[in-house]
Amino acid sequence: MHILYLTNIPAPYKIDYYNELGKLCKLTVVFENDTAQNRNDSWYGTEFNNFEGIFLKKGIRVSEQFFFKPEITKYLRSLDPDITVVAGYSSPTSLIAIRWLKRKRRLFGIEIDGALLESENRIKHLIKSRILKAPSFCIGSGGESKKFFNYHGVNNNKIYTSCFSSLKGEDILQAKIPKEEIASIRSKLGLSDKKLVILSVGQFIYRKGFDILFKSARLIDPSLIQICVVGGTPTEEYLRLSSGIDVVFAGFKSKEEILDYYKAADIFVLPTRHDSWGLVINEAMANGIPVITTNKCVAGLELISNGVNGYIVSVDDVDELRNKICTLIEDELLLKKMGRNALNTIQKSTIEEMANCHFVIFEKILEKNGKQI
């Protein structure tokens, strides 16, 4: 079985997934570019161990992560895969590929990591629907993606679902970390061992909602909590908003470095205004941390059972976020129970499981289309 993927950039979790899938089939991946403008250079994955990686060169950048590179048709023409998967449908390059594949009647599909249903004007809806109904199949991560495909007119018999993760099985915590080790980690990171540590991870952009977290923290006794934000460099606005509360800005950290921050945290909060997935939710749960996020985070909607392993709060609701944080501050037993439940929830959401699930999906698609495996 030969699978061809078209994707934008070599995100580390994508490389891990392709290396795992490449153990199960012949795999070729065409990347639109080697970098995006909004990412630290050390973030990218480059070890192509079990697949062939090809980078498109001729063309132009049209946004932070998307490119216009018509040369994609050269590779679509020269390669002869059993199935082609276009990861995303928003970039000009992917749209060129979708149009070419449809015209040539190739067996291909569109895959999305996740999606939120949002109101859109009629013209935008019609354009999206036409694109998403073009392929033979669509792959998404869970129920929210299925709703998205259905909303744009894709029939259920063309929709396949899989888990979505940035975690290998070895990344999931196997045993509770002793208090002494946590204290040592906090000391190394410059975090308090006397307060409950609230961790958040992301770029300092409006969409991530850190302003809501800081406003909520102002309504909580400052002797009880310390906030740690791992991401880029805070802007003047965020420095102003965080004035007067206990906040540690940790800057960008590699996957290996950030692990200590997850180990040191008591609660993970992602007050996002929009995340079509939110892999930091997976990562926090893999370290046994209860998660609070919003109803605009797909990972939260897919993975969190409200009151069991975390909470879903309304977007931009300062008081609700404050109340949920305080509920966990005031109930240590609930905090620990939610942490254990979070860890149990994430056990099967691994890159290995993701690759196995996709392989089964590809087998079904080939069988459905009368092709030999």
Protein backbone atom coordinates (compact mmCIF):
# COMPACT_ATOMS: atom_id res chain seq x y z
CA MET A 1 0.00 0.00 0.00
CA HIS A 2 1.45 3.37 -1.04
CA ILE A 3 0.05 6.47 0.70
CA LEU A 4 0.86 10.01 -0.40
CA TYR A 5 0.31 12.91 2.02
CA LEU A 6 0.30 16.61 1.18
CA THR A 7 0.78 18.88 4.22
CA ASN A 8 2.05 22.37 4.96
CA ILE A 9 5.10 22.19 7.27
CA PRO A 10 7.08 19.52 9.19
CA ALA A 11 5.41 19.95 12.58
CA PRO A 12 7.10 17.59 15.08
CA TYR A 13 3.92 15.64 15.90
CA LYS A 14 3.27 15.16 12.18
CA ILE A 15 6.78 13.79 11.67
CA ASP A 16 6.27 11.37 14.57
CA TYR A 17 2.97 10.26 13.04
CA TYR A 18 4.45 9.81 9.55
CA ASN A 19 7.37 7.81 10.96
CA GLU A 20 4.90 5.54 12.74
CA LEU A 21 2.59 5.16 9.72
CA GLY A 22 5.63 4.50 7.55
CA LYS A 23 6.23 1.29 9.51
CA LEU A 24 2.89 -0.03 8.22
CA CYS A 25 2.95 1.04 4.56
CA LYS A 26 4.98 2.79 1.89
CA LEU A 27 4.62 6.49 2.64
CA THR A 28 5.57 9.66 0.78
CA VAL A 29 4.95 13.11 2.26
CA VAL A 30 5.10 16.34 0.26
CA PHE A 31 5.58 19.48 2.40
CA GLU A 32 4.58 22.89 1.11
CA ASN A 33 7.50 24.47 2.98
CA ASP A 34 10.14 23.73 5.61
CA THR A 35 9.12 26.51 8.05
CA ALA A 36 6.32 28.86 9.06
CA GLN A 37 6.76 32.47 10.13
CA ASN A 38 5.20 32.08 13.57
CA ARG A 39 7.30 29.18 14.87
CA ASN A 40 10.64 28.91 16.67
CA ASP A 41 13.16 27.10 14.43
CA SER A 42 13.83 24.44 17.08
CA TRP A 43 10.16 23.42 16.98
CA TYR A 44 10.35 21.59 13.64
CA GLY A 45 10.80 17.87 13.17
CA THR A 46 13.38 16.65 10.64
CA GLU A 47 14.01 12.94 11.24
CA PHE A 48 12.36 11.23 8.28
CA ASN A 49 13.12 7.66 9.33
CA ASN A 50 10.30 5.62 7.78
CA PHE A 51 9.01 7.74 4.92
CA GLU A 52 10.19 9.80 1.99
CA GLY A 53 9.86 13.56 2.53
CA ILE A 54 9.74 16.04 -0.35
CA PHE A 55 9.79 19.84 0.03
CA LEU A 56 8.19 22.06 -2.58
CA LYS A 57 10.51 24.94 -3.53
CA LYS A 58 9.02 27.09 -6.27
CA GLY A 59 6.24 29.45 -5.24
CA ILE A 60 5.33 32.14 -2.71
CA ARG A 61 4.17 32.43 0.90
CA VAL A 62 0.63 33.78 1.26
CA SER A 63 0.32 33.64 5.07
CA GLU A 64 2.20 32.46 8.15
CA GLN A 65 1.72 28.78 7.32
CA PHE A 66 0.24 28.62 3.80
CA PHE A 67 1.85 28.78 0.37
CA PHE A 68 1.06 29.02 -3.33
CA LYS A 69 3.16 26.34 -5.02
CA PRO A 70 1.71 25.05 -8.30
CA GLU A 71 4.61 22.60 -8.70
CA ILE A 72 2.61 20.23 -6.51
CA THR A 73 0.97 18.96 -9.70
CA LYS A 74 4.36 17.71 -10.91
CA TYR A 75 4.59 15.34 -7.95
CA LEU A 76 0.93 14.34 -8.13
CA ARG A 77 1.54 13.39 -11.73
CA SER A 78 4.84 11.54 -11.25
CA LEU A 79 4.00 9.62 -8.07
CA ASP A 80 1.57 6.72 -8.30
CA PRO A 81 0.09 6.19 -4.81
CA ASP A 82 -2.87 3.99 -3.98
CA ILE A 83 -4.35 6.83 -1.91
CA THR A 84 -3.57 10.54 -1.67
CA VAL A 85 -4.42 12.46 1.49
CA VAL A 86 -4.57 16.26 1.47
CA ALA A 87 -4.03 17.40 5.07
CA GLY A 88 -6.12 20.58 5.20
CA TYR A 89 -7.97 22.44 2.50
CA SER A 90 -7.23 26.11 3.21
CA SER A 91 -3.93 26.77 1.46
CA PRO A 92 -3.70 27.62 -2.26
CA THR A 93 -1.40 24.64 -2.76
CA SER A 94 -3.90 22.20 -1.26
CA LEU A 95 -6.70 23.72 -3.34
CA ILE A 96 -4.62 23.23 -6.50
CA ALA A 97 -4.04 19.62 -5.48
CA ILE A 98 -7.72 18.96 -4.73
CA ARG A 99 -8.79 20.37 -8.09
CA TRP A 100 -6.15 18.35 -9.97
CA LEU A 101 -6.93 15.11 -8.13
CA LYS A 102 -10.65 15.52 -8.72
CA ARG A 103 -10.17 16.24 -12.42
CA LYS A 104 -7.88 13.22 -12.84
CA ARG A 105 -10.28 11.01 -10.88
CA ARG A 106 -7.61 9.92 -8.41
CA LEU A 107 -8.56 8.22 -5.16
CA PHE A 108 -7.98 10.95 -2.58
CA GLY A 109 -9.30 12.42 0.63
CA ILE A 110 -9.15 15.49 2.82
CA GLU A 111 -7.99 15.19 6.42
CA ILE A 112 -8.46 17.78 9.18
CA ASP A 113 -7.03 17.69 12.69
CA GLY A 114 -10.22 19.16 14.14
CA ALA A 115 -12.83 21.81 13.44
CA LEU A 116 -15.38 24.01 15.16
CA LEU A 117 -18.78 24.78 13.74
CA GLU A 118 -19.10 28.52 13.34
CA SER A 119 -21.54 30.79 11.60
CA GLU A 120 -20.42 31.77 8.10
CA ASN A 121 -21.98 33.63 5.22
CA ARG A 122 -23.72 31.71 2.46
CA ILE A 123 -20.99 32.16 -0.14
CA LYS A 124 -18.24 30.95 2.21
CA HIS A 125 -20.39 28.00 3.21
CA LEU A 126 -21.02 27.02 -0.42
CA ILE A 127 -17.32 27.25 -1.30
CA LYS A 128 -16.29 25.12 1.71
CA SER A 129 -19.01 22.59 0.97
CA ARG A 130 -17.92 22.25 -2.65
CA ILE A 131 -14.31 21.64 -1.59
CA LEU A 132 -15.16 19.14 1.16
CA LYS A 133 -17.53 17.14 -1.05
CA ALA A 134 -14.92 16.79 -3.82
CA PRO A 135 -12.85 13.88 -2.42
CA SER A 136 -13.77 10.22 -2.06
CA PHE A 137 -13.42 10.38 1.71
CA CYS A 138 -12.82 12.74 4.64
CA ILE A 139 -10.91 11.96 7.85
CA GLY A 140 -11.33 13.92 11.07
CA SER A 141 -10.63 13.66 14.77
CA GLY A 142 -13.76 12.66 16.62
CA GLY A 143 -17.33 13.84 16.78
CA GLU A 144 -16.73 17.56 16.30
CA SER A 145 -15.04 16.93 12.94
CA LYS A 146 -17.92 14.70 11.88
CA LYS A 147 -20.38 17.50 12.72
CA PHE A 148 -18.26 19.87 10.65
CA PHE A 149 -18.23 17.57 7.63
CA ASN A 150 -21.98 16.92 7.93
CA TYR A 151 -22.65 20.64 8.15
CA HIS A 152 -20.91 21.06 4.80
CA GLY A 153 -22.87 18.29 3.13
CA VAL A 154 -20.48 15.34 3.38
CA ASN A 155 -22.34 12.03 3.67
CA ASN A 156 -21.62 9.81 6.67
CA ASN A 157 -20.47 6.96 4.43
CA LYS A 158 -17.54 9.14 3.30
CA ILE A 159 -16.47 10.18 6.82
CA TYR A 160 -13.85 8.35 8.89
CA THR A 161 -12.74 9.30 12.39
CA SER A 162 -9.48 8.72 14.22
CA CYS A 163 -7.83 9.90 17.42
CA PHE A 164 -5.46 12.84 17.18
CA SER A 165 -2.36 13.23 19.32
CA SER A 166 1.16 14.59 19.63
CA LEU A 167 2.05 11.90 22.17
CA LYS A 168 3.86 8.62 21.85
CA GLY A 169 2.92 5.90 24.30
CA GLU A 170 6.16 6.51 26.17
CA ASP A 171 5.16 10.15 26.75
CA ILE A 172 2.23 9.23 28.99
CA LEU A 173 2.99 9.27 32.70
CA GLN A 174 3.21 5.75 34.11
CA ALA A 175 3.40 6.46 37.84
CA LYS A 176 2.58 9.27 40.22
CA ILE A 177 5.50 11.63 40.75
CA PRO A 178 6.62 11.83 44.41
CA LYS A 179 6.10 15.15 46.18
CA GLU A 180 9.84 15.46 46.80
CA GLU A 181 10.55 15.26 43.06
CA ILE A 182 7.88 17.84 42.28
CA ALA A 183 9.38 20.19 44.88
CA SER A 184 12.82 19.72 43.30
CA ILE A 185 11.45 20.44 39.81
CA ARG A 186 9.66 23.56 41.00
CA SER A 187 12.82 24.81 42.66
CA LYS A 188 14.76 24.30 39.43
CA LEU A 189 12.11 26.15 37.40
CA GLY A 190 11.74 29.00 39.87
CA LEU A 191 8.17 28.05 40.76
CA SER A 192 6.55 28.22 44.18
CA ASP A 193 6.27 25.10 46.32
CA LYS A 194 3.80 26.85 48.63
CA LYS A 195 1.10 27.71 46.08
CA LEU A 196 -1.07 25.84 43.63
CA VAL A 197 0.59 26.18 40.22
CA ILE A 198 -1.65 26.89 37.23
CA LEU A 199 0.06 26.17 33.92
CA SER A 200 -0.88 27.48 30.48
CA VAL A 201 0.95 27.02 27.18
CA GLY A 202 0.68 29.05 24.00
CA GLN A 203 1.67 32.11 22.02
CA PHE A 204 0.89 35.58 23.31
CA ILE A 205 -1.91 36.26 20.87
CA TYR A 206 -5.48 37.38 21.52
CA ARG A 207 -6.94 34.03 20.45
CA LYS A 208 -5.30 32.15 23.35
CA GLY A 209 -7.23 34.19 25.95
CA PHE A 210 -4.48 34.73 28.51
CA ASP A 211 -6.13 38.05 29.38
CA ILE A 212 -9.13 36.09 30.69
CA LEU A 213 -6.87 33.91 32.84
CA PHE A 214 -5.16 36.96 34.33
CA LYS A 215 -8.49 38.69 35.01
CA SER A 216 -9.76 35.54 36.74
CA ALA A 217 -6.59 35.32 38.83
CA ARG A 218 -7.21 38.84 40.14
CA LEU A 219 -10.40 37.50 41.77
CA ILE A 220 -8.51 34.77 43.67
CA ASP A 221 -6.50 35.12 46.89
CA PRO A 222 -2.92 35.77 45.61
CA SER A 223 -1.44 33.68 48.42
CA LEU A 224 -3.07 30.56 46.93
CA ILE A 225 -1.99 30.46 43.26
CA GLN A 226 0.90 31.05 40.92
CA ILE A 227 0.41 31.17 37.16
CA CYS A 228 3.09 29.92 34.77
CA VAL A 229 2.80 30.65 31.06
CA VAL A 230 5.07 28.76 28.67
CA GLY A 231 5.27 30.34 25.24
CA GLY A 232 6.95 33.23 23.51
CA THR A 233 7.84 36.66 24.87
CA PRO A 234 4.90 38.49 26.50
CA THR A 235 3.84 41.74 24.90
CA GLU A 236 3.56 44.99 26.84
CA GLU A 237 -0.20 44.45 27.00
CA TYR A 238 0.16 41.07 28.72
CA LEU A 239 2.81 42.41 31.10
CA ARG A 240 0.35 45.13 32.07
CA LEU A 241 -2.53 42.69 32.50
CA SER A 242 -0.41 40.43 34.70
CA SER A 243 0.77 43.25 36.96
CA GLY A 244 -0.06 42.59 40.60
CA ILE A 245 -0.57 38.83 40.29
CA ASP A 246 2.00 36.05 40.67
CA VAL A 247 2.92 35.12 37.07
CA VAL A 248 6.02 33.39 35.72
CA PHE A 249 6.66 33.87 32.00
CA ALA A 250 8.81 30.90 31.02
CA GLY A 251 9.37 31.69 27.32
CA PHE A 252 9.56 29.13 24.52
CA LYS A 253 10.49 25.59 25.58
CA SER A 254 11.28 22.49 23.58
CA LYS A 255 9.17 19.35 23.94
CA GLU A 256 11.75 17.94 26.34
CA GLU A 257 12.03 21.14 28.40
CA ILE A 258 8.30 21.68 28.74
CA LEU A 259 7.83 18.26 30.35
CA ASP A 260 9.11 19.55 33.69
CA TYR A 261 6.51 22.33 33.63
CA TYR A 262 3.73 19.78 33.19
CA LYS A 263 5.16 17.74 36.06
CA ALA A 264 5.28 20.80 38.28
CA ALA A 265 1.71 21.98 37.60
CA ASP A 266 -1.45 21.31 39.60
CA ILE A 267 -3.99 22.56 37.04
CA PHE A 268 -3.77 23.25 33.32
CA VAL A 269 -5.83 26.13 31.93
CA LEU A 270 -6.29 26.98 28.25
CA PRO A 271 -8.76 29.91 28.05
CA THR A 272 -8.70 29.88 24.24
CA ARG A 273 -11.17 31.79 22.08
CA HIS A 274 -10.69 29.33 19.22
CA ASP A 275 -8.65 26.16 18.78
CA SER A 276 -9.50 23.68 16.05
CA TRP A 277 -7.78 21.15 18.32
CA GLY A 278 -5.30 22.20 21.05
CA LEU A 279 -2.64 19.52 21.50
CA VAL A 280 -1.50 21.02 24.80
CA ILE A 281 -4.69 19.52 26.26
CA ASN A 282 -3.46 16.04 25.33
CA GLU A 283 -0.05 16.80 26.79
CA ALA A 284 -1.42 18.09 30.08
CA MET A 285 -3.71 15.08 30.53
CA ALA A 286 -0.79 12.76 29.78
CA ASN A 287 0.87 14.15 32.89
CA GLY A 288 -2.13 13.59 35.11
CA ILE A 289 -3.27 17.22 35.30
CA PRO A 290 -6.95 18.22 35.38
CA VAL A 291 -7.73 20.62 32.52
CA ILE A 292 -9.94 23.68 32.32
CA THR A 293 -10.61 24.99 28.84
CA THR A 294 -13.38 26.65 26.87
CA ASN A 295 -16.25 25.53 24.67
CA LYS A 296 -14.19 26.79 21.71
CA CYS A 297 -11.44 24.19 22.10
CA VAL A 298 -12.04 20.98 20.13
CA ALA A 299 -9.58 18.90 22.20
CA GLY A 300 -11.53 19.89 25.29
CA LEU A 301 -14.87 19.03 23.71
CA GLU A 302 -13.54 15.64 22.61
CA LEU A 303 -11.53 14.65 25.69
CA ILE A 304 -12.98 16.38 28.74
CA SER A 305 -15.95 15.04 30.67
CA ASN A 306 -17.17 18.03 32.66
CA GLY A 307 -16.51 17.54 36.35
CA VAL A 308 -14.75 14.20 35.80
CA ASN A 309 -11.31 14.99 34.37
CA GLY A 310 -11.64 18.76 34.01
CA TYR A 311 -14.06 21.52 33.15
CA ILE A 312 -15.39 23.18 30.02
CA VAL A 313 -16.19 26.87 30.62
CA SER A 314 -17.83 29.43 28.38
CA VAL A 315 -15.42 31.43 26.27
CA ASP A 316 -14.49 34.85 27.72
CA ASP A 317 -16.29 34.11 31.01
CA VAL A 318 -13.98 35.45 33.72
CA ASP A 319 -16.25 34.51 36.63
CA GLU A 320 -16.89 30.95 35.48
CA LEU A 321 -13.18 30.31 35.02
CA ARG A 322 -12.45 31.76 38.43
CA ASN A 323 -15.15 29.56 40.03
CA LYS A 324 -13.80 26.35 38.47
CA ILE A 325 -10.24 27.14 39.55
CA CYS A 326 -11.46 27.84 43.08
CA THR A 327 -13.42 24.57 43.15
CA LEU A 328 -10.16 22.68 42.62
CA ILE A 329 -8.19 24.87 45.03
CA GLU A 330 -10.69 24.16 47.78
CA ASP A 331 -10.99 20.38 47.21
CA GLU A 332 -7.63 18.57 47.15
CA LEU A 333 -9.26 15.15 46.83
CA LEU A 334 -11.24 16.28 43.77
CA LEU A 335 -8.07 17.77 42.27
CA LYS A 336 -6.21 14.46 42.60
CA LYS A 337 -9.17 12.41 41.39
CA MET A 338 -9.55 14.56 38.28
CA GLY A 339 -5.83 14.20 37.60
CA ARG A 340 -6.10 10.40 37.70
CA ASN A 341 -9.16 10.49 35.46
CA ALA A 342 -7.35 12.74 32.97
CA LEU A 343 -4.50 10.24 32.79
CA ASN A 344 -6.92 7.35 32.24
CA THR A 345 -8.71 9.26 29.48
CA ILE A 346 -5.59 9.86 27.42
CA GLN A 347 -4.12 6.34 27.53
CA LYS A 348 -5.24 5.37 24.01
CA SER A 349 -4.77 8.77 22.38
CA THR A 350 -1.26 8.13 21.08
CA ILE A 351 0.57 8.55 17.80
CA GLU A 352 0.92 4.77 17.58
CA GLU A 353 -2.85 4.37 17.89
CA MET A 354 -3.37 7.18 15.40
CA ALA A 355 -1.16 5.43 12.83
CA ASN A 356 -2.84 2.05 13.37
CA CYS A 357 -6.28 3.61 13.05
CA HIS A 358 -5.34 5.36 9.81
CA PHE A 359 -3.91 2.18 8.35
CA VAL A 360 -7.23 0.39 9.02
CA ILE A 361 -9.10 3.32 7.45
CA PHE A 362 -6.91 3.16 4.33
CA GLU A 363 -7.53 -0.60 4.06
CA LYS A 364 -11.29 0.01 4.21
CA ILE A 365 -11.09 2.75 1.58
CA LEU A 366 -9.12 0.54 -0.82
CA GLU A 367 -11.52 -2.36 -0.28
CA LYS A 368 -14.51 -0.07 -0.80
CA ASN A 369 -13.05 1.17 -4.08
CA GLY A 370 -12.21 -2.33 -5.33
CA LYS A 371 -8.45 -1.99 -5.08
CA GLN A 372 -6.01 -4.68 -4.03
CA ILE A 373 -4.18 -4.05 -0.75
